[in-house]
Amino acid sequence: MKKSTLAVALSLIFFSTSVWADSSMSSIEARLAAMERRLQAAEQRANVAETRAQVAEKQAQVAEKQAQQLAAVQQQTQTSTAEVAQRTAKLEQKSADEGGFEFHGYARSGLLMNSSATKTQGGPTLTPAGETGGHVGRLGNEPDTYVELNLEHKQTLDNGATTRFKAMLADGQRTYNDWTASSSDLNLRQAFVELGQLPTFSGAFDNSTVWAGKRFDRDNFDIHWIDSDVVFLAGTGAGIYDMKWSDQTRSNISLYGRTFGDIENNENTAQNYILTLNNFVGPVQMMLSGMRAKDNDDRRDIDGLRVKGDAAETGVHALLGLHNDSFYGLTEGTSKT
């Protein structure tokens, strides 16, 4: 082979090798560049994913906080609902127990005149149809103004015991004027306290009520519409109601102190004490009272004269009564005998 031919061949070989080397390097660089781009893209995607994860984590934290707040609100709502239910139950219990403050009143006012348009006489035992007459009723026949104001407070204690306080103011006027201060008879007719359902009581005293103060007896026997107080226990003292011996039998016992005599006689010294045992068997009432009147023989009338020089100092009073929840079984209504 000639030298020139050999030189050409070697040049071709070296050129081919150089071309192949350059092509290989270009291919590697291209792949590296592509790989770098993919890595950058993957890094970007990773950054985006991390950002999304952070956002999701923050959203989860906000959601958790909102859930906690919602749970707290629900708990508070449940607590408030329970408190309202408890208060409602207490109010219903008080309502059932007739607890709280109460006001009661009674008033009447009558104006009577004759055919000459002047004042005439009247009263529970008089009738406008005649000068005198029997008991024809009260309302419309009494030419006075009378008012009673009753203030009461009732309460049920945590141990189940009940309390009651009552005060009664009353005033009576026979003047028709609107300003009656100079002739007012305002007075305190009742002021007493009661305790009932005491946990220390048992047996016959389980549901009994004790009281003390000035009062009208709860179980007086009267026919109110004709102003007839068959038995009117009233005064200052103490007692116990509803000692229950059986389902149909109960008893009251009380001690009252008061002064009998003419209302106008302020110097009356006849002090009277009444010990009463009031028994109820079904509709039947049996009352037995023992009385003692100190200085009873010294009572004097409004003229200062002795009423009776040999008046007794002790006495006994009994009553047998029948309370019907119908008109003697003939028709609806009530009756007392």
Protein backbone atom coordinates (compact mmCIF):
# COMPACT_ATOMS: atom_id res chain seq x y z
CA MET A 1 0.00 0.00 0.00
CA LYS A 2 1.17 3.35 -0.75
CA LYS A 3 1.90 5.83 1.96
CA SER A 4 -0.63 8.25 0.63
CA THR A 5 -3.33 5.64 0.67
CA LEU A 6 -2.42 4.61 4.22
CA ALA A 7 -2.49 8.20 5.39
CA VAL A 8 -5.94 8.66 3.91
CA ALA A 9 -7.18 5.51 5.62
CA LEU A 10 -5.82 6.53 8.98
CA SER A 11 -7.29 9.98 8.58
CA LEU A 12 -10.67 8.43 7.87
CA ILE A 13 -10.37 6.19 10.92
CA PHE A 14 -9.39 9.07 13.20
CA PHE A 15 -12.13 11.26 11.74
CA SER A 16 -14.73 8.55 12.29
CA THR A 17 -13.52 8.02 15.81
CA SER A 18 -13.62 11.74 16.49
CA VAL A 19 -17.11 12.01 15.04
CA TRP A 20 -18.28 9.04 17.09
CA ALA A 21 -16.71 10.50 20.23
CA ASP A 22 -18.30 13.88 19.61
CA SER A 23 -21.67 12.26 18.96
CA SER A 24 -21.42 10.17 22.11
CA MET A 25 -20.53 13.17 24.22
CA SER A 26 -23.40 15.15 22.74
CA SER A 27 -25.80 12.28 23.51
CA ILE A 28 -24.57 12.00 27.12
CA GLU A 29 -24.81 15.72 27.62
CA ALA A 30 -28.33 15.69 26.19
CA ARG A 31 -29.34 12.88 28.49
CA LEU A 32 -27.77 14.65 31.47
CA ALA A 33 -29.55 17.85 30.54
CA ALA A 34 -32.84 15.98 30.20
CA MET A 35 -32.24 14.24 33.50
CA GLU A 36 -31.48 17.60 35.14
CA ARG A 37 -34.67 19.02 33.73
CA ARG A 38 -36.59 16.05 35.04
CA LEU A 39 -34.94 16.49 38.43
CA GLN A 40 -35.84 20.18 38.45
CA ALA A 41 -39.40 19.32 37.46
CA ALA A 42 -39.53 16.65 40.16
CA GLU A 43 -38.12 19.15 42.66
CA GLN A 44 -40.72 21.69 41.61
CA ARG A 45 -43.45 19.08 41.97
CA ALA A 46 -42.01 18.15 45.37
CA ASN A 47 -42.06 21.80 46.39
CA VAL A 48 -45.65 22.16 45.17
CA ALA A 49 -46.60 18.96 47.01
CA GLU A 50 -44.87 20.21 50.17
CA THR A 51 -46.67 23.56 49.87
CA ARG A 52 -49.98 21.74 49.40
CA ALA A 53 -49.15 19.52 52.36
CA GLN A 54 -48.44 22.58 54.49
CA VAL A 55 -51.69 24.19 53.34
CA ALA A 56 -53.56 20.96 54.03
CA GLU A 57 -51.94 20.74 57.46
CA LYS A 58 -52.97 24.31 58.24
CA GLN A 59 -56.47 23.59 57.00
CA ALA A 60 -56.55 20.46 59.16
CA GLN A 61 -55.41 22.51 62.17
CA VAL A 62 -58.10 25.12 61.46
CA ALA A 63 -60.67 22.38 61.01
CA GLU A 64 -59.57 20.73 64.27
CA LYS A 65 -59.76 24.06 66.08
CA GLN A 66 -63.21 24.69 64.63
CA ALA A 67 -64.24 21.19 65.67
CA GLN A 68 -62.97 21.85 69.19
CA GLN A 69 -64.82 25.18 69.28
CA LEU A 70 -67.95 23.48 67.98
CA ALA A 71 -67.59 20.76 70.60
CA ALA A 72 -67.15 23.43 73.28
CA VAL A 73 -70.24 25.27 72.00
CA GLN A 74 -72.19 22.02 71.96
CA GLN A 75 -71.00 21.23 75.49
CA GLN A 76 -71.94 24.73 76.62
CA THR A 77 -75.29 24.39 74.88
CA GLN A 78 -75.87 21.04 76.54
CA THR A 79 -74.87 22.54 79.89
CA SER A 80 -77.14 25.53 79.34
CA THR A 81 -79.96 23.22 78.27
CA ALA A 82 -79.42 21.10 81.37
CA GLU A 83 -79.37 24.22 83.56
CA VAL A 84 -82.55 25.50 81.93
CA ALA A 85 -84.14 22.10 82.42
CA GLN A 86 -83.09 22.11 86.07
CA ARG A 87 -84.41 25.63 86.60
CA THR A 88 -87.63 24.70 84.81
CA ALA A 89 -87.96 21.61 86.99
CA LYS A 90 -87.37 23.71 90.10
CA LEU A 91 -89.94 26.27 88.95
CA GLU A 92 -92.41 23.49 88.18
CA GLN A 93 -91.70 21.97 91.57
CA LYS A 94 -92.23 25.34 93.24
CA SER A 95 -95.41 25.77 91.26
CA ALA A 96 -96.57 22.33 92.33
CA ASP A 97 -95.60 23.11 95.90
CA GLU A 98 -97.42 26.48 95.75
CA GLY A 99 -94.17 28.17 96.61
CA GLY A 100 -93.16 31.80 96.27
CA PHE A 101 -94.86 35.06 97.10
CA GLU A 102 -98.65 35.36 97.07
CA PHE A 103 -101.09 38.19 97.52
CA HIS A 104 -104.75 37.71 98.37
CA GLY A 105 -107.36 40.31 99.06
CA TYR A 106 -110.99 40.75 100.04
CA ALA A 107 -112.98 43.95 99.95
CA ARG A 108 -116.58 45.09 100.07
CA SER A 109 -118.19 48.49 99.99
CA GLY A 110 -121.89 49.25 100.41
CA LEU A 111 -124.05 52.36 100.11
CA LEU A 112 -127.59 52.13 101.49
CA MET A 113 -130.30 54.78 101.35
CA ASN A 114 -134.01 54.99 102.07
CA SER A 115 -136.82 56.42 99.98
CA SER A 116 -135.90 59.92 101.13
CA ALA A 117 -132.37 59.51 99.71
CA THR A 118 -130.82 59.51 103.18
CA LYS A 119 -128.73 56.92 104.92
CA THR A 120 -130.56 53.97 106.41
CA GLN A 121 -129.59 51.07 108.65
CA GLY A 122 -128.32 47.81 107.30
CA GLY A 123 -126.20 44.79 108.05
CA PRO A 124 -126.01 41.01 107.72
CA THR A 125 -129.15 40.55 109.82
CA LEU A 126 -131.18 43.33 108.19
CA THR A 127 -132.89 43.37 104.84
CA PRO A 128 -133.80 46.35 102.64
CA ALA A 129 -137.28 44.83 102.40
CA GLY A 130 -138.03 45.62 106.03
CA GLU A 131 -136.75 47.22 109.21
CA THR A 132 -135.52 43.94 110.68
CA GLY A 133 -135.28 40.40 109.46
CA GLY A 134 -133.34 37.16 109.53
CA HIS A 135 -129.98 36.30 108.01
CA VAL A 136 -130.47 37.07 104.36
CA GLY A 137 -126.83 37.26 103.35
CA ARG A 138 -124.03 39.77 103.59
CA LEU A 139 -123.10 41.35 100.27
CA GLY A 140 -125.34 44.27 99.41
CA ASN A 141 -126.67 44.62 102.98
CA GLU A 142 -123.65 46.12 104.75
CA PRO A 143 -123.26 49.92 104.63
CA ASP A 144 -119.53 49.95 105.26
CA THR A 145 -116.21 49.53 103.48
CA TYR A 146 -114.09 46.65 104.68
CA VAL A 147 -110.81 45.42 103.21
CA GLU A 148 -108.40 42.58 103.98
CA LEU A 149 -104.88 42.41 102.53
CA ASN A 150 -103.09 39.07 102.83
CA LEU A 151 -99.38 38.70 102.13
CA GLU A 152 -97.92 35.19 102.06
CA HIS A 153 -94.56 33.62 101.30
CA LYS A 154 -94.22 29.87 100.83
CA GLN A 155 -91.05 27.89 100.33
CA THR A 156 -89.91 24.28 99.99
CA LEU A 157 -86.49 23.63 101.54
CA ASP A 158 -83.86 21.23 100.21
CA ASN A 159 -84.73 18.66 102.88
CA GLY A 160 -88.38 18.64 101.76
CA ALA A 161 -89.71 20.77 104.62
CA THR A 162 -92.17 23.54 103.78
CA THR A 163 -92.43 27.02 105.28
CA ARG A 164 -95.23 29.58 105.20
CA PHE A 165 -95.39 33.13 106.49
CA LYS A 166 -98.62 35.12 106.41
CA ALA A 167 -99.54 38.64 107.47
CA MET A 168 -103.06 40.08 107.20
CA LEU A 169 -103.96 43.75 107.41
CA ALA A 170 -107.61 44.79 107.74
CA ASP A 171 -109.54 48.03 107.93
CA GLY A 172 -113.23 48.82 108.30
CA GLN A 173 -114.92 52.16 107.67
CA ARG A 174 -118.51 53.36 107.98
CA THR A 175 -117.83 56.77 106.52
CA TYR A 176 -118.55 57.30 102.84
CA ASN A 177 -115.80 59.88 102.39
CA ASP A 178 -112.58 59.19 100.51
CA TRP A 179 -110.33 60.42 103.34
CA THR A 180 -110.75 58.22 106.41
CA ALA A 181 -107.46 58.49 108.29
CA SER A 182 -109.09 60.01 111.37
CA SER A 183 -111.55 57.12 111.71
CA SER A 184 -109.38 54.26 110.45
CA ASP A 185 -109.53 50.91 112.21
CA LEU A 186 -106.45 49.53 110.47
CA ASN A 187 -105.02 46.61 112.42
CA LEU A 188 -102.95 43.47 112.09
CA ARG A 189 -105.38 40.57 112.28
CA GLN A 190 -102.95 37.76 111.46
CA ALA A 191 -99.20 37.25 111.58
CA PHE A 192 -97.96 33.66 111.86
CA VAL A 193 -95.52 31.09 110.51
CA GLU A 194 -95.97 27.42 109.62
CA LEU A 195 -93.52 24.53 109.21
CA GLY A 196 -94.59 21.34 107.47
CA GLN A 197 -93.20 18.05 106.13
CA LEU A 198 -90.38 18.16 108.68
CA PRO A 199 -87.95 15.26 108.08
CA THR A 200 -87.69 14.63 111.81
CA PHE A 201 -91.43 13.85 112.02
CA SER A 202 -92.63 10.29 111.59
CA GLY A 203 -95.64 8.12 112.26
CA ALA A 204 -98.82 10.09 112.90
CA PHE A 205 -96.84 13.35 112.62
CA ASP A 206 -95.34 12.50 109.22
CA ASN A 207 -97.42 15.03 107.24
CA SER A 208 -98.34 17.36 110.07
CA THR A 209 -97.83 21.14 110.21
CA VAL A 210 -96.79 23.18 113.23
CA TRP A 211 -97.56 26.88 113.56
CA ALA A 212 -97.11 29.82 115.91
CA GLY A 213 -98.28 33.44 115.97
CA LYS A 214 -101.55 35.34 115.64
CA ARG A 215 -104.10 33.79 113.31
CA PHE A 216 -107.58 32.55 112.49
CA ASP A 217 -107.75 28.80 112.97
CA ARG A 218 -107.62 26.92 109.68
CA ASP A 219 -110.59 24.68 110.48
CA ASN A 220 -113.12 27.08 111.99
CA PHE A 221 -116.76 26.08 111.60
CA ASP A 222 -118.65 28.97 110.07
CA ILE A 223 -121.36 29.78 107.54
CA HIS A 224 -119.66 32.68 105.88
CA TRP A 225 -122.40 34.02 103.60
CA ILE A 226 -124.60 34.84 106.60
CA ASP A 227 -121.63 35.97 108.73
CA SER A 228 -122.28 33.21 111.25
CA ASP A 229 -119.15 32.02 113.05
CA VAL A 230 -120.45 28.92 114.79
CA VAL A 231 -116.94 28.34 116.13
CA PHE A 232 -114.34 31.02 115.55
CA LEU A 233 -110.98 30.19 117.04
CA ALA A 234 -108.66 33.18 116.74
CA GLY A 235 -105.93 34.79 118.78
CA THR A 236 -102.25 34.37 119.54
CA GLY A 237 -100.79 30.96 120.27
CA ALA A 238 -99.44 27.80 118.66
CA GLY A 239 -100.61 24.43 117.46
CA ILE A 240 -100.19 21.46 115.16
CA TYR A 241 -102.41 20.41 112.24
CA ASP A 242 -103.07 17.06 110.58
CA MET A 243 -101.85 14.48 113.05
CA LYS A 244 -103.00 11.50 110.99
CA TRP A 245 -104.07 8.36 112.82
CA SER A 246 -105.45 6.56 109.74
CA ASP A 247 -106.49 7.31 106.18
CA GLN A 248 -109.79 8.75 107.40
CA THR A 249 -108.86 10.09 110.83
CA ARG A 250 -106.83 13.18 111.70
CA SER A 251 -106.58 15.63 114.58
CA ASN A 252 -105.54 19.22 115.27
CA ILE A 253 -104.47 20.61 118.61
CA SER A 254 -104.01 24.29 119.42
CA LEU A 255 -103.69 26.77 122.25
CA TYR A 256 -105.04 30.30 121.78
CA GLY A 257 -104.82 33.28 124.06
CA ARG A 258 -107.05 36.34 123.69
CA THR A 259 -109.24 38.80 125.57
CA PHE A 260 -113.03 38.61 125.38
CA GLY A 261 -115.37 41.47 126.01
CA ASP A 262 -116.78 44.53 124.34
CA ILE A 263 -114.62 45.84 121.52
CA GLU A 264 -115.05 49.39 122.77
CA ASN A 265 -113.80 48.50 126.24
CA ASN A 266 -110.03 48.84 125.95
CA GLU A 267 -109.54 48.19 129.66
CA ASN A 268 -110.95 44.68 129.54
CA THR A 269 -108.75 42.41 131.69
CA ALA A 270 -110.55 39.11 131.09
CA GLN A 271 -107.74 37.04 129.58
CA ASN A 272 -108.99 33.86 127.98
CA TYR A 273 -107.03 30.72 127.04
CA ILE A 274 -108.51 28.02 124.81
CA LEU A 275 -107.03 24.53 124.43
CA THR A 276 -108.71 22.78 121.51
CA LEU A 277 -108.63 19.23 120.20
CA ASN A 278 -110.28 19.15 116.77
CA ASN A 279 -110.88 15.68 115.33
CA PHE A 280 -112.05 14.62 111.88
CA VAL A 281 -113.29 11.15 110.95
CA GLY A 282 -114.26 11.20 107.30
CA PRO A 283 -116.92 13.93 106.95
CA VAL A 284 -117.56 14.07 110.71
CA GLN A 285 -115.95 16.75 112.88
CA MET A 286 -115.70 16.45 116.68
CA MET A 287 -114.27 19.46 118.49
CA LEU A 288 -113.61 19.68 122.21
CA SER A 289 -112.30 22.89 123.80
CA GLY A 290 -111.33 23.65 127.37
CA MET A 291 -111.30 27.32 128.39
CA ARG A 292 -110.00 29.34 131.29
CA ALA A 293 -110.77 33.05 131.67
CA LYS A 294 -108.71 34.96 134.20
CA ASP A 295 -110.53 37.87 135.85
CA ASN A 296 -113.70 36.93 133.98
CA ASP A 297 -115.87 38.16 136.85
CA ASP A 298 -114.22 41.61 136.62
CA ARG A 299 -115.43 42.29 133.05
CA ARG A 300 -117.20 45.61 132.70
CA ASP A 301 -119.32 47.09 129.94
CA ILE A 302 -118.75 50.40 128.16
CA ASP A 303 -120.49 52.21 131.03
CA GLY A 304 -118.05 50.75 133.54
CA LEU A 305 -120.63 48.42 135.12
CA ARG A 306 -119.68 44.88 136.02
CA VAL A 307 -121.11 42.46 133.45
CA LYS A 308 -121.50 39.51 135.81
CA GLY A 309 -120.15 39.21 139.30
CA ASP A 310 -120.15 35.41 139.54
CA ALA A 311 -118.84 34.52 136.07
CA ALA A 312 -117.09 31.17 135.80
CA GLU A 313 -113.35 31.00 135.28
CA THR A 314 -113.32 27.66 133.44
CA GLY A 315 -115.54 25.94 130.92
CA VAL A 316 -115.84 23.26 128.26
CA HIS A 317 -117.21 23.59 124.75
CA ALA A 318 -118.01 20.76 122.33
CA LEU A 319 -119.12 20.62 118.71
CA LEU A 320 -120.30 17.81 116.46
CA GLY A 321 -120.30 18.74 112.78
CA LEU A 322 -120.97 17.09 109.44
CA HIS A 323 -119.29 18.27 106.22
CA ASN A 324 -120.96 16.94 103.07
CA ASP A 325 -119.49 17.27 99.58
CA SER A 326 -123.06 17.22 98.20
CA PHE A 327 -126.37 18.73 99.31
CA TYR A 328 -127.17 15.92 101.74
CA GLY A 329 -126.83 13.40 98.92
CA LEU A 330 -129.78 14.91 97.02
CA THR A 331 -127.91 17.02 94.48
CA GLU A 332 -124.55 18.63 93.75
CA GLY A 333 -123.18 21.20 96.16
CA THR A 334 -122.00 21.26 99.78
CA SER A 335 -123.67 21.26 103.15
CA LYS A 336 -122.72 21.72 106.81
CA THR A 337 -124.62 20.55 109.84
